[in-house]
Amino acid sequence: MSQAPKWKQILEQALTLYSKDENLKPMLEAKKIYFDKTGVAHEEEEDYEARMSSFNNWYLFEFRYPNWHQVAIKMYLENLAEEQEVKEIFGGQLHSVFEYRGKNLFGRDVLVDLLHKKKLHLTDSSQMPSLIKNDLFIGRAIPTPEGHELLEGLSILPREARSNIVKECKKVRKYDSLKEESKFLLQVESLRSKWKRYGHLDASKIFVFNS
């Protein structure tokens, strides 16, 4: 079995460190905040593992505990001065709403980052989930020399909500603010949870934004 890339190893190591001992309290507080904002995750639900992965990524990349001077992943990397390439990879991670565009002429999977208006090509080794062309999802993409790779924890969105989501992406993009982007993406996660509960309702009526 081939060894995982260095950046994946570091991500796992950081999550392990920031989930135990003196970091257990921050993680539990982060979990309460995250699921209060996005909707409760139940173990019996089919997307439970994906939602927990989404939380783990949010915890490492975005949550800042009051006593921390930085987010967890950056604090972990401070002690790894030699890992400049990994720092650059994590610095370029994209948290967004993506649309899967299928494969290009070279057989590579193509995504469009709807929030930042970017086209991404996934690496040949990417663990591509079961997506159909034009599927929408919230996720995180990591840039590597060979292309982008998706982190675990995708949140599939209803296609019927595409128009409303794209319009809101355009509004949020004008702020040019990571804080506003994070706020928006958490709201989309919350609306997704609502859609999952009320699947009989038209998704375009659920994904309504009040920005």
N, C-alpha and C. Protein backbone atom coordinates (compact mmCIF):
# COMPACT_ATOMS: atom_id res chain seq x y z
N MET A 1 0.85 -1.20 0.00
CA MET A 1 0.00 0.00 0.00
C MET A 1 0.89 1.25 0.00
N SER A 2 0.63 2.17 -0.93
CA SER A 2 1.45 3.37 -1.02
C SER A 2 1.19 4.29 0.17
N GLN A 3 2.23 5.01 0.55
CA GLN A 3 2.12 5.90 1.68
C GLN A 3 1.33 7.14 1.30
N ALA A 4 0.52 7.65 2.24
CA ALA A 4 -0.27 8.85 2.00
C ALA A 4 0.66 10.04 1.79
N PRO A 5 0.26 11.02 0.99
CA PRO A 5 1.08 12.23 0.79
C PRO A 5 1.37 12.90 2.14
N LYS A 6 2.47 13.64 2.18
CA LYS A 6 2.88 14.29 3.43
C LYS A 6 1.79 15.18 4.00
N TRP A 7 1.10 15.93 3.13
CA TRP A 7 0.09 16.85 3.63
C TRP A 7 -1.07 16.11 4.29
N LYS A 8 -1.41 14.93 3.78
CA LYS A 8 -2.47 14.14 4.41
C LYS A 8 -2.02 13.62 5.77
N GLN A 9 -0.78 13.21 5.86
CA GLN A 9 -0.25 12.74 7.13
C GLN A 9 -0.28 13.86 8.17
N ILE A 10 0.13 15.05 7.77
CA ILE A 10 0.16 16.19 8.70
C ILE A 10 -1.25 16.57 9.13
N LEU A 11 -2.19 16.49 8.19
CA LEU A 11 -3.59 16.81 8.53
C LEU A 11 -4.10 15.84 9.61
N GLU A 12 -3.82 14.58 9.45
CA GLU A 12 -4.24 13.57 10.43
C GLU A 12 -3.54 13.77 11.76
N GLN A 13 -2.26 14.10 11.72
CA GLN A 13 -1.51 14.33 12.96
C GLN A 13 -2.05 15.54 13.71
N ALA A 14 -2.37 16.61 12.97
CA ALA A 14 -2.90 17.82 13.60
C ALA A 14 -4.25 17.55 14.24
N LEU A 15 -5.10 16.79 13.55
CA LEU A 15 -6.42 16.48 14.11
C LEU A 15 -6.29 15.65 15.38
N THR A 16 -5.37 14.71 15.37
CA THR A 16 -5.15 13.88 16.56
C THR A 16 -4.70 14.74 17.73
N LEU A 17 -3.73 15.62 17.50
CA LEU A 17 -3.21 16.47 18.57
C LEU A 17 -4.27 17.41 19.12
N TYR A 18 -5.07 18.00 18.23
CA TYR A 18 -6.04 19.00 18.66
C TYR A 18 -7.40 18.40 19.01
N SER A 19 -7.41 17.10 19.31
CA SER A 19 -8.64 16.44 19.73
C SER A 19 -8.48 15.74 21.08
N LYS A 20 -7.37 15.99 21.77
CA LYS A 20 -7.14 15.28 23.03
C LYS A 20 -6.47 16.20 24.06
N ASP A 21 -6.43 15.70 25.28
CA ASP A 21 -5.77 16.39 26.39
C ASP A 21 -6.30 17.81 26.54
N GLU A 22 -5.39 18.80 26.58
CA GLU A 22 -5.84 20.18 26.82
C GLU A 22 -6.62 20.74 25.63
N ASN A 23 -6.56 20.06 24.49
CA ASN A 23 -7.29 20.53 23.31
C ASN A 23 -8.68 19.89 23.16
N LEU A 24 -9.03 19.01 24.08
CA LEU A 24 -10.35 18.38 24.01
C LEU A 24 -11.45 19.40 24.24
N LYS A 25 -11.25 20.30 25.20
CA LYS A 25 -12.27 21.31 25.49
C LYS A 25 -12.53 22.21 24.28
N PRO A 26 -11.48 22.76 23.65
CA PRO A 26 -11.73 23.57 22.44
C PRO A 26 -12.48 22.79 21.36
N MET A 27 -12.12 21.52 21.18
CA MET A 27 -12.78 20.73 20.14
C MET A 27 -14.27 20.56 20.45
N LEU A 28 -14.60 20.28 21.70
CA LEU A 28 -16.00 20.09 22.09
C LEU A 28 -16.79 21.39 21.94
N GLU A 29 -16.15 22.52 22.27
CA GLU A 29 -16.82 23.81 22.09
C GLU A 29 -17.03 24.10 20.61
N ALA A 30 -16.02 23.77 19.81
CA ALA A 30 -16.13 23.98 18.36
C ALA A 30 -17.25 23.11 17.78
N LYS A 31 -17.35 21.89 18.26
CA LYS A 31 -18.39 20.98 17.77
C LYS A 31 -19.78 21.52 18.06
N LYS A 32 -19.96 22.06 19.27
CA LYS A 32 -21.27 22.63 19.62
C LYS A 32 -21.60 23.82 18.72
N ILE A 33 -20.63 24.69 18.51
CA ILE A 33 -20.85 25.86 17.65
C ILE A 33 -21.19 25.43 16.23
N TYR A 34 -20.41 24.49 15.70
CA TYR A 34 -20.59 24.08 14.31
C TYR A 34 -21.96 23.45 14.07
N PHE A 35 -22.34 22.52 14.93
CA PHE A 35 -23.60 21.83 14.69
C PHE A 35 -24.82 22.65 15.13
N ASP A 36 -24.61 23.65 16.01
CA ASP A 36 -25.68 24.61 16.28
C ASP A 36 -25.97 25.43 15.03
N LYS A 37 -24.91 25.72 14.28
CA LYS A 37 -25.05 26.56 13.08
C LYS A 37 -25.52 25.77 11.85
N THR A 38 -25.14 24.50 11.77
CA THR A 38 -25.40 23.75 10.55
C THR A 38 -26.46 22.66 10.69
N GLY A 39 -26.93 22.42 11.92
CA GLY A 39 -27.91 21.36 12.13
C GLY A 39 -27.26 20.13 12.74
N VAL A 40 -27.99 19.46 13.60
CA VAL A 40 -27.47 18.30 14.32
C VAL A 40 -27.18 17.15 13.37
N ALA A 41 -26.10 16.43 13.64
CA ALA A 41 -25.76 15.23 12.86
C ALA A 41 -26.11 13.99 13.67
N HIS A 42 -26.88 13.10 13.10
CA HIS A 42 -27.31 11.88 13.79
C HIS A 42 -26.55 10.68 13.22
N GLU A 43 -26.09 9.81 14.11
CA GLU A 43 -25.26 8.69 13.70
C GLU A 43 -25.95 7.76 12.70
N GLU A 44 -27.26 7.68 12.77
CA GLU A 44 -27.97 6.76 11.88
C GLU A 44 -28.13 7.32 10.46
N GLU A 45 -27.82 8.57 10.25
CA GLU A 45 -27.97 9.17 8.93
C GLU A 45 -26.83 8.74 8.01
N GLU A 46 -27.15 8.57 6.73
CA GLU A 46 -26.17 8.05 5.78
C GLU A 46 -24.99 8.98 5.55
N ASP A 47 -25.18 10.28 5.80
CA ASP A 47 -24.09 11.23 5.58
C ASP A 47 -23.39 11.64 6.87
N TYR A 48 -23.60 10.86 7.93
CA TYR A 48 -23.02 11.21 9.23
C TYR A 48 -21.50 11.34 9.16
N GLU A 49 -20.83 10.35 8.57
CA GLU A 49 -19.37 10.37 8.51
C GLU A 49 -18.87 11.58 7.70
N ALA A 50 -19.57 11.89 6.62
CA ALA A 50 -19.18 13.04 5.80
C ALA A 50 -19.33 14.33 6.59
N ARG A 51 -20.39 14.43 7.37
CA ARG A 51 -20.61 15.65 8.16
C ARG A 51 -19.57 15.79 9.26
N MET A 52 -19.17 14.67 9.85
CA MET A 52 -18.12 14.73 10.87
C MET A 52 -16.78 15.14 10.24
N SER A 53 -16.53 14.66 9.03
CA SER A 53 -15.31 15.07 8.34
C SER A 53 -15.35 16.56 8.01
N SER A 54 -16.52 17.05 7.64
CA SER A 54 -16.68 18.49 7.37
C SER A 54 -16.38 19.30 8.62
N PHE A 55 -16.89 18.80 9.76
CA PHE A 55 -16.60 19.49 11.02
C PHE A 55 -15.12 19.47 11.32
N ASN A 56 -14.47 18.32 11.17
CA ASN A 56 -13.04 18.22 11.47
C ASN A 56 -12.24 19.23 10.65
N ASN A 57 -12.58 19.36 9.39
CA ASN A 57 -11.87 20.30 8.53
C ASN A 57 -12.13 21.74 8.97
N TRP A 58 -13.37 22.04 9.29
CA TRP A 58 -13.71 23.39 9.78
C TRP A 58 -12.96 23.69 11.06
N TYR A 59 -12.89 22.71 11.95
CA TYR A 59 -12.19 22.88 13.22
C TYR A 59 -10.71 23.18 13.01
N LEU A 60 -10.07 22.48 12.10
CA LEU A 60 -8.65 22.69 11.86
C LEU A 60 -8.36 23.99 11.10
N PHE A 61 -9.18 24.30 10.12
CA PHE A 61 -8.87 25.41 9.22
C PHE A 61 -9.52 26.74 9.60
N GLU A 62 -10.62 26.71 10.37
CA GLU A 62 -11.36 27.96 10.57
C GLU A 62 -11.64 28.34 12.03
N PHE A 63 -11.78 27.36 12.90
CA PHE A 63 -12.14 27.68 14.28
C PHE A 63 -10.94 28.24 15.04
N ARG A 64 -11.19 29.32 15.78
CA ARG A 64 -10.13 29.87 16.62
C ARG A 64 -10.65 29.99 18.06
N TYR A 65 -10.07 29.19 18.91
CA TYR A 65 -10.41 29.21 20.33
C TYR A 65 -9.87 30.51 20.94
N PRO A 66 -10.58 31.09 21.94
CA PRO A 66 -10.16 32.38 22.52
C PRO A 66 -8.70 32.42 22.98
N ASN A 67 -8.18 31.31 23.49
CA ASN A 67 -6.80 31.28 23.98
C ASN A 67 -5.77 31.00 22.90
N TRP A 68 -6.23 30.74 21.68
CA TRP A 68 -5.31 30.44 20.58
C TRP A 68 -4.95 31.73 19.84
N HIS A 69 -3.72 31.83 19.38
CA HIS A 69 -3.32 32.99 18.59
C HIS A 69 -3.54 32.74 17.10
N GLN A 70 -3.95 31.51 16.76
CA GLN A 70 -4.12 31.16 15.35
C GLN A 70 -5.03 29.94 15.27
N VAL A 71 -5.47 29.58 14.04
CA VAL A 71 -6.26 28.36 13.88
C VAL A 71 -5.37 27.15 14.08
N ALA A 72 -5.97 26.01 14.36
CA ALA A 72 -5.22 24.82 14.76
C ALA A 72 -4.17 24.38 13.74
N ILE A 73 -4.55 24.32 12.47
CA ILE A 73 -3.61 23.80 11.48
C ILE A 73 -2.37 24.70 11.35
N LYS A 74 -2.56 26.01 11.49
CA LYS A 74 -1.41 26.92 11.39
C LYS A 74 -0.53 26.81 12.63
N MET A 75 -1.15 26.61 13.80
CA MET A 75 -0.34 26.44 15.01
C MET A 75 0.47 25.16 14.93
N TYR A 76 -0.14 24.11 14.37
CA TYR A 76 0.59 22.85 14.24
C TYR A 76 1.79 23.01 13.30
N LEU A 77 1.58 23.74 12.21
CA LEU A 77 2.64 23.91 11.22
C LEU A 77 3.75 24.83 11.71
N GLU A 78 3.47 25.64 12.72
CA GLU A 78 4.52 26.51 13.27
C GLU A 78 5.69 25.70 13.81
N ASN A 79 5.39 24.50 14.27
CA ASN A 79 6.43 23.63 14.82
C ASN A 79 7.07 22.73 13.77
N LEU A 80 6.70 22.95 12.50
CA LEU A 80 7.25 22.15 11.40
C LEU A 80 7.86 23.10 10.38
N ALA A 81 8.92 23.76 10.79
CA ALA A 81 9.51 24.80 9.96
C ALA A 81 9.96 24.28 8.60
N GLU A 82 10.28 22.98 8.53
CA GLU A 82 10.82 22.43 7.28
C GLU A 82 9.73 22.12 6.26
N GLU A 83 8.48 22.17 6.68
CA GLU A 83 7.38 21.77 5.78
C GLU A 83 6.79 22.96 5.03
N GLN A 84 7.64 23.71 4.33
CA GLN A 84 7.17 24.90 3.62
C GLN A 84 6.18 24.54 2.51
N GLU A 85 6.43 23.44 1.82
CA GLU A 85 5.53 23.04 0.73
C GLU A 85 4.13 22.74 1.26
N VAL A 86 4.07 22.06 2.41
CA VAL A 86 2.77 21.74 3.01
C VAL A 86 2.07 23.01 3.46
N LYS A 87 2.83 23.96 3.99
CA LYS A 87 2.24 25.25 4.41
C LYS A 87 1.60 25.95 3.22
N GLU A 88 2.28 25.91 2.08
CA GLU A 88 1.75 26.55 0.87
C GLU A 88 0.50 25.82 0.38
N ILE A 89 0.51 24.51 0.47
CA ILE A 89 -0.65 23.72 0.06
C ILE A 89 -1.87 24.08 0.90
N PHE A 90 -1.68 24.10 2.21
CA PHE A 90 -2.81 24.42 3.10
C PHE A 90 -3.23 25.88 2.97
N GLY A 91 -2.26 26.74 2.67
CA GLY A 91 -2.58 28.15 2.49
C GLY A 91 -3.45 28.40 1.27
N GLY A 92 -3.40 27.47 0.32
CA GLY A 92 -4.19 27.62 -0.90
C GLY A 92 -5.46 26.82 -0.93
N GLN A 93 -5.83 26.22 0.22
CA GLN A 93 -7.05 25.39 0.24
C GLN A 93 -8.27 26.24 -0.05
N LEU A 94 -9.21 25.66 -0.77
CA LEU A 94 -10.44 26.35 -1.15
C LEU A 94 -11.64 25.69 -0.49
N HIS A 95 -12.38 26.46 0.29
CA HIS A 95 -13.62 26.01 0.89
C HIS A 95 -14.73 26.69 0.11
N SER A 96 -15.58 25.91 -0.55
CA SER A 96 -16.51 26.54 -1.47
C SER A 96 -17.68 25.63 -1.84
N VAL A 97 -18.56 26.18 -2.66
CA VAL A 97 -19.58 25.40 -3.35
C VAL A 97 -19.01 25.07 -4.72
N PHE A 98 -18.93 23.78 -5.03
CA PHE A 98 -18.36 23.34 -6.30
C PHE A 98 -19.44 22.69 -7.17
N GLU A 99 -19.20 22.76 -8.47
CA GLU A 99 -20.05 22.06 -9.43
C GLU A 99 -19.17 21.10 -10.22
N TYR A 100 -19.57 19.85 -10.28
CA TYR A 100 -18.80 18.84 -11.01
C TYR A 100 -19.16 18.92 -12.49
N ARG A 101 -18.16 19.12 -13.34
CA ARG A 101 -18.38 19.30 -14.77
C ARG A 101 -18.03 18.06 -15.60
N GLY A 102 -17.75 16.94 -14.94
CA GLY A 102 -17.40 15.73 -15.66
C GLY A 102 -15.92 15.69 -15.99
N LYS A 103 -15.55 14.87 -16.97
CA LYS A 103 -14.13 14.71 -17.34
C LYS A 103 -13.79 15.52 -18.58
N ASN A 104 -12.56 16.02 -18.61
CA ASN A 104 -12.11 16.74 -19.80
C ASN A 104 -11.55 15.77 -20.84
N LEU A 105 -10.97 16.30 -21.91
CA LEU A 105 -10.47 15.46 -23.00
C LEU A 105 -9.32 14.55 -22.57
N PHE A 106 -8.68 14.92 -21.45
CA PHE A 106 -7.55 14.12 -20.95
C PHE A 106 -7.99 13.15 -19.85
N GLY A 107 -9.29 13.07 -19.63
CA GLY A 107 -9.81 12.13 -18.65
C GLY A 107 -9.72 12.59 -17.21
N ARG A 108 -9.46 13.86 -17.01
CA ARG A 108 -9.35 14.37 -15.64
C ARG A 108 -10.67 15.00 -15.21
N ASP A 109 -11.03 14.80 -13.95
CA ASP A 109 -12.25 15.36 -13.41
C ASP A 109 -12.12 16.88 -13.24
N VAL A 110 -13.18 17.59 -13.63
CA VAL A 110 -13.16 19.05 -13.61
C VAL A 110 -14.23 19.57 -12.66
N LEU A 111 -13.84 20.53 -11.83
CA LEU A 111 -14.77 21.20 -10.93
C LEU A 111 -14.76 22.69 -11.23
N VAL A 112 -15.89 23.33 -10.96
CA VAL A 112 -15.94 24.79 -10.99
C VAL A 112 -16.24 25.25 -9.57
N ASP A 113 -15.37 26.13 -9.07
CA ASP A 113 -15.56 26.75 -7.77
C ASP A 113 -16.50 27.94 -7.98
N LEU A 114 -17.74 27.78 -7.58
CA LEU A 114 -18.75 28.80 -7.87
C LEU A 114 -18.57 30.06 -7.04
N LEU A 115 -17.97 29.94 -5.87
CA LEU A 115 -17.80 31.10 -5.00
C LEU A 115 -16.65 31.99 -5.46
N HIS A 116 -15.57 31.37 -5.96
CA HIS A 116 -14.40 32.15 -6.37
C HIS A 116 -14.22 32.22 -7.88
N LYS A 117 -15.14 31.60 -8.62
CA LYS A 117 -15.12 31.60 -10.09
C LYS A 117 -13.79 31.04 -10.62
N LYS A 118 -13.48 29.83 -10.19
CA LYS A 118 -12.26 29.16 -10.63
C LYS A 118 -12.59 27.78 -11.16
N LYS A 119 -11.81 27.34 -12.14
CA LYS A 119 -11.94 25.98 -12.65
C LYS A 119 -10.77 25.15 -12.10
N LEU A 120 -11.10 23.98 -11.57
CA LEU A 120 -10.09 23.12 -10.98
C LEU A 120 -10.03 21.79 -11.72
N HIS A 121 -8.82 21.24 -11.83
CA HIS A 121 -8.63 19.90 -12.37
C HIS A 121 -8.11 19.02 -11.25
N LEU A 122 -8.81 17.94 -10.98
CA LEU A 122 -8.40 17.05 -9.91
C LEU A 122 -7.25 16.16 -10.35
N THR A 123 -6.44 15.74 -9.40
CA THR A 123 -5.33 14.85 -9.70
C THR A 123 -5.85 13.48 -10.13
N ASP A 124 -5.02 12.75 -10.84
CA ASP A 124 -5.41 11.41 -11.28
C ASP A 124 -5.62 10.47 -10.08
N SER A 125 -4.97 10.79 -8.97
CA SER A 125 -5.06 9.94 -7.79
C SER A 125 -6.17 10.36 -6.83
N SER A 126 -6.94 11.38 -7.20
CA SER A 126 -8.01 11.87 -6.32
C SER A 126 -9.03 10.77 -6.05
N GLN A 127 -9.47 10.72 -4.80
CA GLN A 127 -10.53 9.78 -4.42
C GLN A 127 -11.87 10.42 -4.78
N MET A 128 -12.25 10.27 -6.02
CA MET A 128 -13.45 10.94 -6.52
C MET A 128 -14.71 10.25 -6.00
N PRO A 129 -15.57 11.00 -5.33
CA PRO A 129 -16.82 10.41 -4.86
C PRO A 129 -17.77 10.14 -6.02
N SER A 130 -18.88 9.51 -5.72
CA SER A 130 -19.86 9.18 -6.77
C SER A 130 -20.67 10.42 -7.12
N LEU A 131 -20.18 11.15 -8.10
CA LEU A 131 -20.86 12.36 -8.54
C LEU A 131 -21.27 12.22 -9.99
N ILE A 132 -22.35 12.88 -10.33
CA ILE A 132 -22.84 12.94 -11.71
C ILE A 132 -22.61 14.36 -12.22
N LYS A 133 -22.36 14.48 -13.50
CA LYS A 133 -22.11 15.79 -14.09
C LYS A 133 -23.19 16.79 -13.68
N ASN A 134 -22.74 17.97 -13.25
CA ASN A 134 -23.56 19.09 -12.79
C ASN A 134 -24.03 18.95 -11.34
N ASP A 135 -23.56 17.93 -10.63
CA ASP A 135 -23.85 17.85 -9.19
C ASP A 135 -23.18 19.01 -8.48
N LEU A 136 -23.85 19.49 -7.43
CA LEU A 136 -23.33 20.57 -6.59
C LEU A 136 -22.96 20.03 -5.23
N PHE A 137 -21.92 20.58 -4.63
CA PHE A 137 -21.57 20.16 -3.28
C PHE A 137 -20.70 21.21 -2.60
N ILE A 138 -20.73 21.20 -1.26
CA ILE A 138 -19.79 22.01 -0.48
C ILE A 138 -18.61 21.10 -0.14
N GLY A 139 -17.42 21.62 -0.28
CA GLY A 139 -16.24 20.82 0.04
C GLY A 139 -15.01 21.69 0.15
N ARG A 140 -13.89 21.03 0.35
CA ARG A 140 -12.59 21.72 0.41
C ARG A 140 -11.64 21.05 -0.57
N ALA A 141 -10.97 21.88 -1.35
CA ALA A 141 -10.01 21.39 -2.34
C ALA A 141 -8.62 21.89 -1.97
N ILE A 142 -7.66 20.98 -2.03
CA ILE A 142 -6.28 21.27 -1.68
C ILE A 142 -5.43 21.29 -2.95
N PRO A 143 -4.66 22.36 -3.19
CA PRO A 143 -3.81 22.41 -4.39
C PRO A 143 -2.52 21.61 -4.21
N THR A 144 -2.18 20.81 -5.18
CA THR A 144 -0.92 20.08 -5.19
C THR A 144 -0.25 20.35 -6.53
N PRO A 145 1.01 19.99 -6.68
CA PRO A 145 1.68 20.21 -7.97
C PRO A 145 0.99 19.52 -9.14
N GLU A 146 0.28 18.43 -8.87
CA GLU A 146 -0.39 17.66 -9.93
C GLU A 146 -1.82 18.10 -10.20
N GLY A 147 -2.36 18.97 -9.36
CA GLY A 147 -3.76 19.38 -9.47
C GLY A 147 -4.36 19.48 -8.09
N HIS A 148 -5.67 19.62 -8.02
CA HIS A 148 -6.35 19.73 -6.74
C HIS A 148 -6.83 18.36 -6.26
N GLU A 149 -6.92 18.23 -4.94
CA GLU A 149 -7.51 17.04 -4.33
C GLU A 149 -8.58 17.47 -3.35
N LEU A 150 -9.64 16.69 -3.28
CA LEU A 150 -10.74 16.99 -2.37
C LEU A 150 -10.48 16.34 -1.01
N LEU A 151 -10.75 17.09 0.04
CA LEU A 151 -10.73 16.51 1.38
C LEU A 151 -12.01 15.72 1.59
N GLU A 152 -11.99 14.82 2.54
CA GLU A 152 -13.20 14.07 2.87
C GLU A 152 -14.24 15.02 3.47
N GLY A 153 -15.50 14.65 3.30
CA GLY A 153 -16.57 15.44 3.91
C GLY A 153 -17.29 16.34 2.93
N LEU A 154 -17.79 15.77 1.83
CA LEU A 154 -18.56 16.57 0.88
C LEU A 154 -20.03 16.62 1.28
N SER A 155 -20.65 17.76 1.07
CA SER A 155 -22.08 17.93 1.35
C SER A 155 -22.80 18.15 0.03
N ILE A 156 -23.49 17.14 -0.45
CA ILE A 156 -24.18 17.23 -1.73
C ILE A 156 -25.39 18.15 -1.61
N LEU A 157 -25.56 19.01 -2.60
CA LEU A 157 -26.64 20.00 -2.60
C LEU A 157 -27.62 19.70 -3.74
N PRO A 158 -28.89 20.09 -3.56
CA PRO A 158 -29.88 19.85 -4.61
C PRO A 158 -29.66 20.75 -5.82
N ARG A 159 -29.75 20.19 -6.99
CA ARG A 159 -29.56 20.97 -8.21
C ARG A 159 -30.60 22.08 -8.35
N GLU A 160 -31.78 21.83 -7.81
CA GLU A 160 -32.86 22.82 -7.92
C GLU A 160 -32.52 24.13 -7.23
N ALA A 161 -31.54 24.09 -6.32
CA ALA A 161 -31.15 25.29 -5.58
C ALA A 161 -30.01 26.04 -6.26
N ARG A 162 -29.55 25.54 -7.41
CA ARG A 162 -28.37 26.11 -8.05
C ARG A 162 -28.50 27.61 -8.31
N SER A 163 -29.61 28.03 -8.88
CA SER A 163 -29.79 29.44 -9.23
C SER A 163 -29.66 30.33 -8.01
N ASN A 164 -30.33 29.97 -6.93
CA ASN A 164 -30.27 30.78 -5.70
C ASN A 164 -28.87 30.80 -5.12
N ILE A 165 -28.20 29.66 -5.15
CA ILE A 165 -26.85 29.56 -4.59
C ILE A 165 -25.86 30.38 -5.42
N VAL A 166 -25.95 30.30 -6.74
CA VAL A 166 -25.04 31.06 -7.61
C VAL A 166 -25.23 32.56 -7.40
N LYS A 167 -26.46 33.00 -7.27
CA LYS A 167 -26.72 34.43 -7.03
C LYS A 167 -26.11 34.89 -5.72
N GLU A 168 -26.22 34.04 -4.70
CA GLU A 168 -25.66 34.41 -3.40
C GLU A 168 -24.14 34.38 -3.44
N CYS A 169 -23.57 33.43 -4.18
CA CYS A 169 -22.11 33.38 -4.34
C CYS A 169 -21.60 34.69 -4.92
N LYS A 170 -22.31 35.21 -5.89
CA LYS A 170 -21.91 36.46 -6.52
C LYS A 170 -21.92 37.61 -5.52
N LYS A 171 -22.94 37.65 -4.66
CA LYS A 171 -23.02 38.71 -3.64
C LYS A 171 -21.88 38.59 -2.64
N VAL A 172 -21.64 37.36 -2.18
CA VAL A 172 -20.60 37.14 -1.17
C VAL A 172 -19.23 37.43 -1.73
N ARG A 173 -19.01 37.10 -2.99
CA ARG A 173 -17.71 37.31 -3.63
C ARG A 173 -17.32 38.79 -3.62
N LYS A 174 -18.28 39.67 -3.71
CA LYS A 174 -18.01 41.10 -3.74
C LYS A 174 -17.42 41.60 -2.41
N TYR A 175 -17.72 40.91 -1.32
CA TYR A 175 -17.17 41.31 -0.02
C TYR A 175 -15.66 41.06 0.04
N ASP A 176 -15.19 40.06 -0.72
CA ASP A 176 -13.78 39.68 -0.68
C ASP A 176 -13.32 39.48 0.76
N SER A 177 -14.10 38.70 1.51
CA SER A 177 -13.87 38.50 2.94
C SER A 177 -14.01 37.02 3.29
N LEU A 178 -12.95 36.45 3.89
CA LEU A 178 -13.02 35.06 4.32
C LEU A 178 -14.09 34.87 5.38
N LYS A 179 -14.28 35.88 6.22
CA LYS A 179 -15.30 35.80 7.26
C LYS A 179 -16.69 35.68 6.65
N GLU A 180 -16.96 36.49 5.62
CA GLU A 180 -18.27 36.43 4.97
C GLU A 180 -18.44 35.12 4.21
N GLU A 181 -17.37 34.62 3.61
CA GLU A 181 -17.44 33.34 2.90
C GLU A 181 -17.77 32.21 3.88
N SER A 182 -17.10 32.20 5.02
CA SER A 182 -17.35 31.16 6.02
C SER A 182 -18.79 31.23 6.53
N LYS A 183 -19.25 32.43 6.78
CA LYS A 183 -20.63 32.63 7.23
C LYS A 183 -21.63 32.09 6.20
N PHE A 184 -21.38 32.39 4.95
CA PHE A 184 -22.25 31.93 3.87
C PHE A 184 -22.25 30.41 3.76
N LEU A 185 -21.07 29.79 3.80
CA LEU A 185 -20.98 28.35 3.64
C LEU A 185 -21.62 27.60 4.81
N LEU A 186 -21.51 28.15 6.00
CA LEU A 186 -22.20 27.55 7.15
C LEU A 186 -23.72 27.67 6.97
N GLN A 187 -24.16 28.78 6.38
CA GLN A 187 -25.59 28.95 6.13
C GLN A 187 -26.08 27.94 5.09
N VAL A 188 -25.26 27.70 4.07
CA VAL A 188 -25.64 26.70 3.06
C VAL A 188 -25.74 25.32 3.70
N GLU A 189 -24.79 24.99 4.59
CA GLU A 189 -24.84 23.72 5.31
C GLU A 189 -26.12 23.62 6.14
N SER A 190 -26.50 24.72 6.77
CA SER A 190 -27.72 24.74 7.57
C SER A 190 -28.96 24.52 6.71
N LEU A 191 -29.01 25.18 5.56
CA LEU A 191 -30.14 25.01 4.65
C LEU A 191 -30.18 23.60 4.09
N ARG A 192 -29.01 23.02 3.89
CA ARG A 192 -28.95 21.63 3.43
C ARG A 192 -29.56 20.70 4.47
N SER A 193 -29.25 20.93 5.74
CA SER A 193 -29.82 20.11 6.81
C SER A 193 -31.34 20.24 6.82
N LYS A 194 -31.81 21.46 6.59
CA LYS A 194 -33.26 21.70 6.55
C LYS A 194 -33.88 20.97 5.36
N TRP A 195 -33.20 21.01 4.23
CA TRP A 195 -33.67 20.33 3.02
C TRP A 195 -33.75 18.82 3.24
N LYS A 196 -32.76 18.27 3.96
CA LYS A 196 -32.75 16.83 4.23
C LYS A 196 -33.94 16.44 5.12
N ARG A 197 -34.32 17.33 6.02
CA ARG A 197 -35.46 17.06 6.91
C ARG A 197 -36.79 17.20 6.19
N TYR A 198 -36.86 18.16 5.29
CA TYR A 198 -38.12 18.45 4.60
C TYR A 198 -37.95 18.18 3.10
N GLY A 199 -37.56 16.97 2.77
CA GLY A 199 -37.29 16.60 1.40
C GLY A 199 -38.47 16.72 0.45
N HIS A 200 -39.68 16.78 1.01
CA HIS A 200 -40.87 16.88 0.15
C HIS A 200 -41.08 18.29 -0.37
N LEU A 201 -40.33 19.26 0.19
CA LEU A 201 -40.49 20.65 -0.24
C LEU A 201 -39.54 20.97 -1.39
N ASP A 202 -39.94 21.93 -2.22
CA ASP A 202 -39.12 22.39 -3.33
C ASP A 202 -37.83 23.00 -2.77
N ALA A 203 -36.69 22.48 -3.19
CA ALA A 203 -35.41 22.95 -2.66
C ALA A 203 -35.19 24.44 -2.90
N SER A 204 -35.72 24.96 -4.00
CA SER A 204 -35.53 26.38 -4.29
C SER A 204 -36.26 27.26 -3.30
N LYS A 205 -37.25 26.69 -2.61
CA LYS A 205 -37.99 27.43 -1.59
C LYS A 205 -37.26 27.38 -0.24
N ILE A 206 -36.41 26.37 -0.07
CA ILE A 206 -35.66 26.22 1.16
C ILE A 206 -34.36 27.01 1.12
N PHE A 207 -33.68 26.97 -0.02
CA PHE A 207 -32.41 27.68 -0.14
C PHE A 207 -32.66 29.16 -0.49
N VAL A 208 -33.12 29.87 0.51
CA VAL A 208 -33.40 31.31 0.37
C VAL A 208 -32.45 32.06 1.30
N PHE A 209 -31.77 33.04 0.76
CA PHE A 209 -30.76 33.76 1.52
C PHE A 209 -31.23 35.18 1.81
N ASN A 210 -30.95 35.63 3.00
CA ASN A 210 -31.31 36.98 3.41
C ASN A 210 -30.05 37.78 3.69
N SER A 211 -29.34 38.10 2.66
CA SER A 211 -28.07 38.82 2.83
C SER A 211 -28.29 40.32 2.61
